[in-house]
PDB file of all heavy atoms in Angstrom:
ATOM      1  N   ASP A   1      -4.781   0.223   0.351  1.00  0.00           N
ATOM      2  CA  ASP A   1      -4.190   1.338  -0.512  1.00  0.00           C
ATOM      3  C   ASP A   1      -3.176   2.107   0.237  1.00  0.00           C
ATOM      4  O   ASP A   1      -2.539   2.973  -0.319  1.00  0.00           O
ATOM      5  CB  ASP A   1      -5.432   2.297  -0.950  1.00  0.00           C
ATOM      6  CG  ASP A   1      -6.435   1.635  -1.828  1.00  0.00           C
ATOM      7  OD1 ASP A   1      -5.950   0.896  -2.820  1.00  0.00           O
ATOM      8  OD2 ASP A   1      -7.577   1.840  -1.648  1.00  0.00           O
ATOM      9  N   THR A   2      -2.981   1.893   1.445  1.00  0.00           N
ATOM     10  CA  THR A   2      -1.910   2.564   2.327  1.00  0.00           C
ATOM     11  C   THR A   2      -0.625   2.332   1.666  1.00  0.00           C
ATOM     12  O   THR A   2      -0.216   1.141   1.548  1.00  0.00           O
ATOM     13  CB  THR A   2      -1.906   2.021   3.740  1.00  0.00           C
ATOM     14  OG1 THR A   2      -3.182   2.448   4.339  1.00  0.00           O
ATOM     15  CG2 THR A   2      -0.891   2.692   4.491  1.00  0.00           C
ATOM     16  N   ASP A   3       0.155   3.433   1.437  1.00  0.00           N
ATOM     17  CA  ASP A   3       1.387   3.266   0.687  1.00  0.00           C
ATOM     18  C   ASP A   3       1.976   4.727   0.559  1.00  0.00           C
ATOM     19  O   ASP A   3       1.305   5.690   0.829  1.00  0.00           O
ATOM     20  CB  ASP A   3       1.213   2.689  -0.791  1.00  0.00           C
ATOM     21  CG  ASP A   3       1.725   1.285  -0.925  1.00  0.00           C
ATOM     22  OD1 ASP A   3       2.745   1.039  -0.245  1.00  0.00           O
ATOM     23  OD2 ASP A   3       1.067   0.510  -1.676  1.00  0.00           O
ATOM     24  N   VAL A   4       3.220   4.846   0.027  1.00  0.00           N
ATOM     25  CA  VAL A   4       3.742   6.013  -0.391  1.00  0.00           C
ATOM     26  C   VAL A   4       3.481   6.191  -1.946  1.00  0.00           C
ATOM     27  O   VAL A   4       3.876   5.283  -2.695  1.00  0.00           O
ATOM     28  CB  VAL A   4       5.343   6.141  -0.156  1.00  0.00           C
ATOM     29  CG1 VAL A   4       5.821   7.360  -0.768  1.00  0.00           C
ATOM     30  CG2 VAL A   4       5.632   6.072   1.364  1.00  0.00           C
ATOM     31  N   TYR A   5       2.895   7.236  -2.298  1.00  0.00           N
ATOM     32  CA  TYR A   5       2.538   7.449  -3.672  1.00  0.00           C
ATOM     33  C   TYR A   5       3.480   8.433  -4.295  1.00  0.00           C
ATOM     34  O   TYR A   5       3.654   9.583  -3.771  1.00  0.00           O
ATOM     35  CB  TYR A   5       1.062   7.941  -3.794  1.00  0.00           C
ATOM     36  CG  TYR A   5       0.014   6.908  -3.500  1.00  0.00           C
ATOM     37  CD1 TYR A   5      -0.084   6.365  -2.296  1.00  0.00           C
ATOM     38  CD2 TYR A   5      -0.725   6.389  -4.539  1.00  0.00           C
ATOM     39  CE1 TYR A   5      -1.072   5.342  -1.966  1.00  0.00           C
ATOM     40  CE2 TYR A   5      -1.644   5.409  -4.336  1.00  0.00           C
ATOM     41  CZ  TYR A   5      -1.870   4.824  -3.062  1.00  0.00           C
ATOM     42  OH  TYR A   5      -2.749   3.930  -2.767  1.00  0.00           O
ATOM     43  N   CYS A   6       4.116   8.035  -5.493  1.00  0.00           N
ATOM     44  CA  CYS A   6       5.158   8.751  -6.151  1.00  0.00           C
ATOM     45  C   CYS A   6       4.569   9.201  -7.522  1.00  0.00           C
ATOM     46  O   CYS A   6       4.114   8.413  -8.288  1.00  0.00           O
ATOM     47  CB  CYS A   6       6.447   7.948  -6.183  1.00  0.00           C
ATOM     48  SG  CYS A   6       7.159   7.505  -4.761  1.00  0.00           S
ATOM     49  N   CYS A   7       4.758  10.542  -7.708  1.00  0.00           N
ATOM     50  CA  CYS A   7       4.442  10.937  -9.147  1.00  0.00           C
ATOM     51  C   CYS A   7       5.559  10.568 -10.120  1.00  0.00           C
ATOM     52  O   CYS A   7       6.832  10.388  -9.623  1.00  0.00           O
ATOM     53  CB  CYS A   7       4.418  12.524  -9.062  1.00  0.00           C
ATOM     54  SG  CYS A   7       4.104  13.275 -10.578  1.00  0.00           S
ATOM     55  N   TYR A   8       5.075  10.362 -11.190  1.00  0.00           N
ATOM     56  CA  TYR A   8       6.044   9.784 -12.413  1.00  0.00           C
ATOM     57  C   TYR A   8       5.763  10.691 -13.607  1.00  0.00           C
ATOM     58  O   TYR A   8       4.679  10.933 -13.955  1.00  0.00           O
ATOM     59  CB  TYR A   8       5.652   8.303 -12.619  1.00  0.00           C
ATOM     60  CG  TYR A   8       6.237   7.815 -13.909  1.00  0.00           C
ATOM     61  CD1 TYR A   8       7.607   7.572 -14.131  1.00  0.00           C
ATOM     62  CD2 TYR A   8       5.482   7.645 -15.059  1.00  0.00           C
ATOM     63  CE1 TYR A   8       8.155   7.056 -15.242  1.00  0.00           C
ATOM     64  CE2 TYR A   8       5.932   7.218 -16.262  1.00  0.00           C
ATOM     65  CZ  TYR A   8       7.327   6.926 -16.379  1.00  0.00           C
ATOM     66  OH  TYR A   8       7.825   6.430 -17.585  1.00  0.00           O
ATOM     67  N   VAL A   9       6.886  10.902 -14.241  1.00  0.00           N
ATOM     68  CA  VAL A   9       6.810  11.666 -15.459  1.00  0.00           C
ATOM     69  C   VAL A   9       7.759  10.970 -16.536  1.00  0.00           C
ATOM     70  O   VAL A   9       8.972  10.640 -16.064  1.00  0.00           O
ATOM     71  CB  VAL A   9       7.189  13.154 -15.402  1.00  0.00           C
ATOM     72  CG1 VAL A   9       7.663  13.697 -16.754  1.00  0.00           C
ATOM     73  CG2 VAL A   9       6.003  13.918 -14.784  1.00  0.00           C
ATOM     74  N   ARG A  10       7.242  10.721 -17.696  1.00  0.00           N
ATOM     75  CA  ARG A  10       8.290  10.411 -18.750  1.00  0.00           C
ATOM     76  C   ARG A  10       8.341  11.532 -19.786  1.00  0.00           C
ATOM     77  O   ARG A  10       7.341  11.961 -20.373  1.00  0.00           O
ATOM     78  CB  ARG A  10       7.715   9.090 -19.537  1.00  0.00           C
ATOM     79  CG  ARG A  10       8.715   8.601 -20.603  1.00  0.00           C
ATOM     80  CD  ARG A  10       8.249   7.277 -21.118  1.00  0.00           C
ATOM     81  NE  ARG A  10       9.133   6.670 -22.062  1.00  0.00           N
ATOM     82  CZ  ARG A  10      10.190   6.006 -21.799  1.00  0.00           C
ATOM     83  NH1 ARG A  10      10.702   5.860 -20.537  1.00  0.00           N
ATOM     84  NH2 ARG A  10      11.053   5.492 -22.808  1.00  0.00           N
ATOM     85  N   SER A  11       9.541  12.132 -19.905  1.00  0.00           N
ATOM     86  CA  SER A  11       9.703  13.355 -20.634  1.00  0.00           C
ATOM     87  C   SER A  11       9.625  13.066 -22.125  1.00  0.00           C
ATOM     88  O   SER A  11       9.612  12.028 -22.659  1.00  0.00           O
ATOM     89  CB  SER A  11      10.939  14.161 -20.259  1.00  0.00           C
ATOM     90  OG  SER A  11      12.060  13.371 -20.821  1.00  0.00           O
ATOM     91  N   ALA A  12       9.540  14.201 -22.915  1.00  0.00           N
ATOM     92  CA  ALA A  12       9.652  14.142 -24.305  1.00  0.00           C
ATOM     93  C   ALA A  12      10.858  13.506 -24.874  1.00  0.00           C
ATOM     94  O   ALA A  12      10.952  12.980 -25.917  1.00  0.00           O
ATOM     95  CB  ALA A  12       9.517  15.575 -24.922  1.00  0.00           C
ATOM     96  N   ARG A  13      11.927  13.511 -24.061  1.00  0.00           N
ATOM     97  CA  ARG A  13      13.237  12.904 -24.377  1.00  0.00           C
ATOM     98  C   ARG A  13      13.372  11.406 -23.848  1.00  0.00           C
ATOM     99  O   ARG A  13      14.342  10.887 -23.838  1.00  0.00           O
ATOM    100  CB  ARG A  13      14.476  13.748 -23.811  1.00  0.00           C
ATOM    101  CG  ARG A  13      14.543  15.159 -24.486  1.00  0.00           C
ATOM    102  CD  ARG A  13      15.744  15.848 -24.029  1.00  0.00           C
ATOM    103  NE  ARG A  13      15.863  17.218 -24.767  1.00  0.00           N
ATOM    104  CZ  ARG A  13      16.933  17.925 -24.749  1.00  0.00           C
ATOM    105  NH1 ARG A  13      17.937  17.602 -23.923  1.00  0.00           N
ATOM    106  NH2 ARG A  13      16.950  19.070 -25.349  1.00  0.00           N
ATOM    107  N   ALA A  14      12.200  10.912 -23.385  1.00  0.00           N
ATOM    108  CA  ALA A  14      12.132   9.514 -22.902  1.00  0.00           C
ATOM    109  C   ALA A  14      12.926   9.336 -21.680  1.00  0.00           C
ATOM    110  O   ALA A  14      13.417   8.147 -21.401  1.00  0.00           O
ATOM    111  CB  ALA A  14      12.550   8.636 -24.111  1.00  0.00           C
ATOM    112  N   ASN A  15      13.131  10.320 -20.956  1.00  0.00           N
ATOM    113  CA  ASN A  15      13.735  10.138 -19.488  1.00  0.00           C
ATOM    114  C   ASN A  15      12.588  10.045 -18.534  1.00  0.00           C
ATOM    115  O   ASN A  15      11.547  10.586 -18.607  1.00  0.00           O
ATOM    116  CB  ASN A  15      14.561  11.348 -19.238  1.00  0.00           C
ATOM    117  CG  ASN A  15      15.780  11.463 -20.162  1.00  0.00           C
ATOM    118  OD1 ASN A  15      16.400  10.426 -20.401  1.00  0.00           O
ATOM    119  ND2 ASN A  15      16.155  12.688 -20.581  1.00  0.00           N
ATOM    120  N   ASN A  16      12.867   9.225 -17.454  1.00  0.00           N
ATOM    121  CA  ASN A  16      11.952   9.003 -16.375  1.00  0.00           C
ATOM    122  C   ASN A  16      12.313   9.769 -15.111  1.00  0.00           C
ATOM    123  O   ASN A  16      13.455   9.817 -14.777  1.00  0.00           O
ATOM    124  CB  ASN A  16      11.844   7.495 -16.068  1.00  0.00           C
ATOM    125  CG  ASN A  16      11.388   6.611 -17.243  1.00  0.00           C
ATOM    126  OD1 ASN A  16      10.455   7.007 -17.875  1.00  0.00           O
ATOM    127  ND2 ASN A  16      11.962   5.517 -17.342  1.00  0.00           N
ATOM    128  N   TYR A  17      11.311  10.411 -14.585  1.00  0.00           N
ATOM    129  CA  TYR A  17      11.462  11.187 -13.316  1.00  0.00           C
ATOM    130  C   TYR A  17      10.453  10.765 -12.241  1.00  0.00           C
ATOM    131  O   TYR A  17       9.314  10.356 -12.517  1.00  0.00           O
ATOM    132  CB  TYR A  17      11.303  12.613 -13.572  1.00  0.00           C
ATOM    133  CG  TYR A  17      12.321  13.094 -14.553  1.00  0.00           C
ATOM    134  CD1 TYR A  17      12.073  13.111 -15.997  1.00  0.00           C
ATOM    135  CD2 TYR A  17      13.525  13.618 -14.212  1.00  0.00           C
ATOM    136  CE1 TYR A  17      12.932  13.648 -16.904  1.00  0.00           C
ATOM    137  CE2 TYR A  17      14.420  14.201 -15.111  1.00  0.00           C
ATOM    138  CZ  TYR A  17      14.145  14.103 -16.468  1.00  0.00           C
ATOM    139  OH  TYR A  17      14.997  14.657 -17.436  1.00  0.00           O
ATOM    140  N   TRP A  18      10.876  10.774 -11.019  1.00  0.00           N
ATOM    141  CA  TRP A  18      10.033  10.288  -9.961  1.00  0.00           C
ATOM    142  C   TRP A  18      10.081  11.577  -8.898  1.00  0.00           C
ATOM    143  O   TRP A  18      11.064  12.169  -8.518  1.00  0.00           O
ATOM    144  CB  TRP A  18      10.635   9.112  -9.287  1.00  0.00           C
ATOM    145  CG  TRP A  18      10.854   7.992 -10.203  1.00  0.00           C
ATOM    146  CD1 TRP A  18      11.819   7.737 -11.056  1.00  0.00           C
ATOM    147  CD2 TRP A  18       9.713   7.116 -10.663  1.00  0.00           C
ATOM    148  NE1 TRP A  18      11.587   6.623 -11.847  1.00  0.00           N
ATOM    149  CE2 TRP A  18      10.277   6.220 -11.536  1.00  0.00           C
ATOM    150  CE3 TRP A  18       8.501   6.827 -10.121  1.00  0.00           C
ATOM    151  CZ2 TRP A  18       9.515   5.167 -12.023  1.00  0.00           C
ATOM    152  CZ3 TRP A  18       7.820   5.774 -10.598  1.00  0.00           C
ATOM    153  CH2 TRP A  18       8.279   4.926 -11.614  1.00  0.00           C
ATOM    154  N   GLY A  19       8.961  11.727  -8.247  1.00  0.00           N
ATOM    155  CA  GLY A  19       8.766  12.595  -7.190  1.00  0.00           C
ATOM    156  C   GLY A  19       9.326  11.919  -5.866  1.00  0.00           C
ATOM    157  O   GLY A  19       9.627  10.757  -5.749  1.00  0.00           O
ATOM    158  N   GLN A  20       9.248  12.798  -4.712  1.00  0.00           N
ATOM    159  CA  GLN A  20       9.774  12.295  -3.442  1.00  0.00           C
ATOM    160  C   GLN A  20       8.694  11.337  -2.809  1.00  0.00           C
ATOM    161  O   GLN A  20       9.128  10.447  -2.021  1.00  0.00           O
ATOM    162  CB  GLN A  20      10.004  13.392  -2.496  1.00  0.00           C
ATOM    163  CG  GLN A  20      11.209  14.320  -2.945  1.00  0.00           C
ATOM    164  CD  GLN A  20      12.519  13.547  -2.793  1.00  0.00           C
ATOM    165  OE1 GLN A  20      12.791  12.833  -1.860  1.00  0.00           O
ATOM    166  NE2 GLN A  20      13.360  13.694  -3.763  1.00  0.00           N
ATOM    167  N   GLY A  21       7.450  11.503  -3.181  1.00  0.00           N
ATOM    168  CA  GLY A  21       6.386  10.665  -2.650  1.00  0.00           C
ATOM    169  C   GLY A  21       5.658  11.393  -1.594  1.00  0.00           C
ATOM    170  O   GLY A  21       6.065  12.199  -0.833  1.00  0.00           O
ATOM    171  N   THR A  22       4.273  10.914  -1.420  1.00  0.00           N
ATOM    172  CA  THR A  22       3.450  11.445  -0.491  1.00  0.00           C
ATOM    173  C   THR A  22       2.771  10.229   0.176  1.00  0.00           C
ATOM    174  O   THR A  22       2.303   9.285  -0.521  1.00  0.00           O
ATOM    175  CB  THR A  22       2.529  12.481  -1.085  1.00  0.00           C
ATOM    176  OG1 THR A  22       1.719  12.998  -0.070  1.00  0.00           O
ATOM    177  CG2 THR A  22       1.590  11.958  -2.132  1.00  0.00           C
ATOM    178  N   GLN A  23       2.738  10.222   1.503  1.00  0.00           N
ATOM    179  CA  GLN A  23       2.111   9.110   2.244  1.00  0.00           C
ATOM    180  C   GLN A  23       0.618   9.204   2.234  1.00  0.00           C
ATOM    181  O   GLN A  23      -0.028  10.235   2.459  1.00  0.00           O
ATOM    182  CB  GLN A  23       2.564   9.162   3.755  1.00  0.00           C
ATOM    183  CG  GLN A  23       2.037   8.043   4.584  1.00  0.00           C
ATOM    184  CD  GLN A  23       2.509   6.672   4.180  1.00  0.00           C
ATOM    185  OE1 GLN A  23       3.736   6.475   4.040  1.00  0.00           O
ATOM    186  NE2 GLN A  23       1.680   5.706   4.073  1.00  0.00           N
ATOM    187  N   VAL A  24      -0.014   8.113   1.884  1.00  0.00           N
ATOM    188  CA  VAL A  24      -1.440   7.905   1.995  1.00  0.00           C
ATOM    189  C   VAL A  24      -1.736   6.742   3.054  1.00  0.00           C
ATOM    190  O   VAL A  24      -1.114   5.644   2.739  1.00  0.00           O
ATOM    191  CB  VAL A  24      -2.061   7.484   0.630  1.00  0.00           C
ATOM    192  CG1 VAL A  24      -3.502   7.098   0.834  1.00  0.00           C
ATOM    193  CG2 VAL A  24      -1.889   8.658  -0.329  1.00  0.00           C
ATOM    194  N   THR A  25      -2.486   7.091   4.079  1.00  0.00           N
ATOM    195  CA  THR A  25      -2.790   6.006   5.036  1.00  0.00           C
ATOM    196  C   THR A  25      -4.313   5.992   5.165  1.00  0.00           C
ATOM    197  O   THR A  25      -4.941   6.893   5.389  1.00  0.00           O
ATOM    198  CB  THR A  25      -2.265   6.376   6.383  1.00  0.00           C
ATOM    199  OG1 THR A  25      -0.758   6.601   6.258  1.00  0.00           O
ATOM    200  CG2 THR A  25      -2.420   5.342   7.394  1.00  0.00           C
ATOM    201  N   VAL A  26      -4.870   4.692   4.963  1.00  0.00           N
ATOM    202  CA  VAL A  26      -6.156   4.431   5.115  1.00  0.00           C
ATOM    203  C   VAL A  26      -6.434   3.584   6.400  1.00  0.00           C
ATOM    204  O   VAL A  26      -5.903   2.468   6.453  1.00  0.00           O
ATOM    205  CB  VAL A  26      -6.695   3.675   3.815  1.00  0.00           C
ATOM    206  CG1 VAL A  26      -8.302   3.605   3.849  1.00  0.00           C
ATOM    207  CG2 VAL A  26      -6.294   4.514   2.627  1.00  0.00           C
TER     208      VAL A  26
END
Protein backbone atom coordinates (compact mmCIF):
# COMPACT_ATOMS: atom_id res chain seq x y z
CA ASP A 1 0.00 0.00 0.00
CA THR A 2 3.06 2.27 0.10
CA ASP A 3 2.41 5.08 -2.36
CA VAL A 4 1.61 8.74 -2.76
CA TYR A 5 -2.12 9.15 -2.18
CA CYS A 6 -3.83 11.96 -4.07
CA CYS A 7 -7.22 13.43 -3.32
CA TYR A 8 -9.56 13.63 -6.30
CA VAL A 9 -12.65 15.70 -6.94
CA ARG A 10 -15.04 15.77 -9.87
CA SER A 11 -16.91 19.05 -9.68
CA ALA A 12 -20.51 19.81 -10.52
CA ARG A 13 -19.22 21.17 -13.84
CA ALA A 14 -17.55 17.80 -14.58
CA ASN A 15 -14.02 19.15 -14.12
CA ASN A 16 -11.40 16.95 -12.46
CA TYR A 17 -9.10 18.20 -9.73
CA TRP A 18 -6.17 16.57 -7.96
CA GLY A 19 -4.40 17.29 -4.74
CA GLN A 20 -0.63 17.46 -4.30
CA GLY A 21 -0.54 14.07 -2.66
CA THR A 22 0.45 12.71 0.71
CA GLN A 23 2.99 9.95 1.24
CA VAL A 24 1.93 6.72 2.90
CA THR A 25 4.71 4.33 3.81
CA VAL A 26 4.05 0.90 5.30
